[in-house]
Amino acid sequence: MAKEEKTVKEEKKVEVEDLPGVGEATAEKLRENGYDDILSLAVASPKDLSELAGIGEGAAIKIIAAARKLADVGNFESGEEIMKRRQLVK
C-alpha cells in the first residue's frame, strides 16, 4: 500500500500577542476594541489602532505590517491610504 501524504498544510493559530510590539496589556486593549485576530489587525488603520490601544502611530504601523505578513493579505491598501495617494496625483 502506498503511504498517503497530507495535502493540507497544518497552520498554527497566531495570537495577537504573538506579534512584535504587542504585550499583554496592548493585546487586551485591542481585543476590547474588536481587534481579536490577525486579520482584523491586518486591515486596520494606523490611526485607529494607535488611538484605541494607546500606542504610537509608528508602533501601530509595525503591528499592522506584521499582521499583514502573517495573514498573507498581499499588498492591501485601505481606502484612506488610496485617497491620500490620489491627492498627490496632479
Protein backbone atom coordinates (compact mmCIF):
# COMPACT_ATOMS: atom_id res chain seq x y z
CA MET A 1 0.00 0.00 0.00
CA ALA A 2 1.21 3.45 -0.85
CA LYS A 3 1.56 5.83 2.02
CA GLU A 4 -0.92 8.73 1.79
CA GLU A 5 0.52 12.21 2.00
CA LYS A 6 -1.21 15.10 3.65
CA THR A 7 -2.11 17.80 1.15
CA VAL A 8 -3.40 20.31 3.65
CA LYS A 9 -0.74 22.27 5.47
CA GLU A 10 -1.36 22.46 9.19
CA GLU A 11 -1.37 26.08 10.27
CA LYS A 12 -0.54 27.37 13.72
CA LYS A 13 -3.03 29.89 15.06
CA VAL A 14 -1.20 33.13 15.70
CA GLU A 15 -2.47 35.15 18.63
CA VAL A 16 -2.50 38.95 18.80
CA GLU A 17 0.20 38.98 21.48
CA ASP A 18 2.48 36.91 19.22
CA LEU A 19 3.02 39.99 17.05
CA PRO A 20 6.17 42.05 17.66
CA GLY A 21 5.48 45.02 19.91
CA VAL A 22 2.25 43.61 21.35
CA GLY A 23 2.35 42.75 25.04
CA GLU A 24 -0.46 41.52 27.27
CA ALA A 25 -1.84 44.98 28.06
CA THR A 26 -1.85 46.11 24.42
CA ALA A 27 -3.39 42.81 23.31
CA GLU A 28 -6.17 43.22 25.87
CA LYS A 29 -6.92 46.78 24.70
CA LEU A 30 -7.00 45.59 21.10
CA ARG A 31 -9.37 42.73 21.92
CA GLU A 32 -11.67 45.04 23.89
CA ASN A 33 -11.96 47.17 20.76
CA GLY A 34 -12.69 44.31 18.35
CA TYR A 35 -9.18 43.52 17.14
CA ASP A 36 -9.14 39.92 18.31
CA ASP A 37 -7.36 38.22 15.42
CA ILE A 38 -4.54 38.79 12.95
CA LEU A 39 -6.83 39.55 10.01
CA SER A 40 -8.66 42.34 11.85
CA LEU A 41 -5.28 43.93 12.63
CA ALA A 42 -4.09 43.46 9.05
CA VAL A 43 -6.95 45.61 7.73
CA ALA A 44 -6.84 48.23 10.49
CA SER A 45 -5.73 51.81 10.02
CA PRO A 46 -2.69 53.00 12.00
CA LYS A 47 -4.65 55.98 13.35
CA ASP A 48 -7.50 53.84 14.72
CA LEU A 49 -5.13 51.29 16.18
CA SER A 50 -2.98 53.90 17.91
CA GLU A 51 -5.98 55.70 19.40
CA LEU A 52 -7.75 52.55 20.60
CA ALA A 53 -4.71 50.78 22.01
CA GLY A 54 -2.96 53.87 23.35
CA ILE A 55 0.19 53.25 21.32
CA GLY A 56 2.13 55.47 18.96
CA GLU A 57 1.26 55.54 15.28
CA GLY A 58 4.72 54.16 14.41
CA ALA A 59 4.14 51.14 16.64
CA ALA A 60 0.68 50.69 15.10
CA ILE A 61 2.21 50.67 11.61
CA LYS A 62 4.69 47.96 12.65
CA ILE A 63 1.94 45.84 14.22
CA ILE A 64 -0.23 46.17 11.11
CA ALA A 65 2.69 45.29 8.81
CA ALA A 66 3.48 42.17 10.86
CA ALA A 67 -0.19 41.15 10.86
CA ARG A 68 -0.43 41.63 7.09
CA LYS A 69 2.65 39.48 6.56
CA LEU A 70 1.28 36.69 8.75
CA ALA A 71 -2.25 36.93 7.33
CA ASP A 72 -0.82 36.84 3.80
CA VAL A 73 -3.17 39.54 2.51
CA GLY A 74 -0.70 40.76 -0.09
CA ASN A 75 -0.38 44.44 -0.83
CA PHE A 76 -3.51 45.52 1.00
CA GLU A 77 -4.25 49.24 0.99
CA SER A 78 -7.02 50.84 2.98
CA GLY A 79 -9.36 53.32 1.31
CA GLU A 80 -7.76 56.05 3.39
CA GLU A 81 -4.31 55.20 2.02
CA ILE A 82 -5.59 55.18 -1.56
CA MET A 83 -7.26 58.58 -1.12
CA LYS A 84 -4.01 60.06 0.23
CA ARG A 85 -2.13 58.68 -2.77
CA ARG A 86 -4.75 60.04 -5.18
CA GLN A 87 -4.39 63.54 -3.71
CA LEU A 88 -0.71 63.52 -4.67
CA VAL A 89 -1.55 62.98 -8.35
CA LYS A 90 -1.74 66.25 -10.27
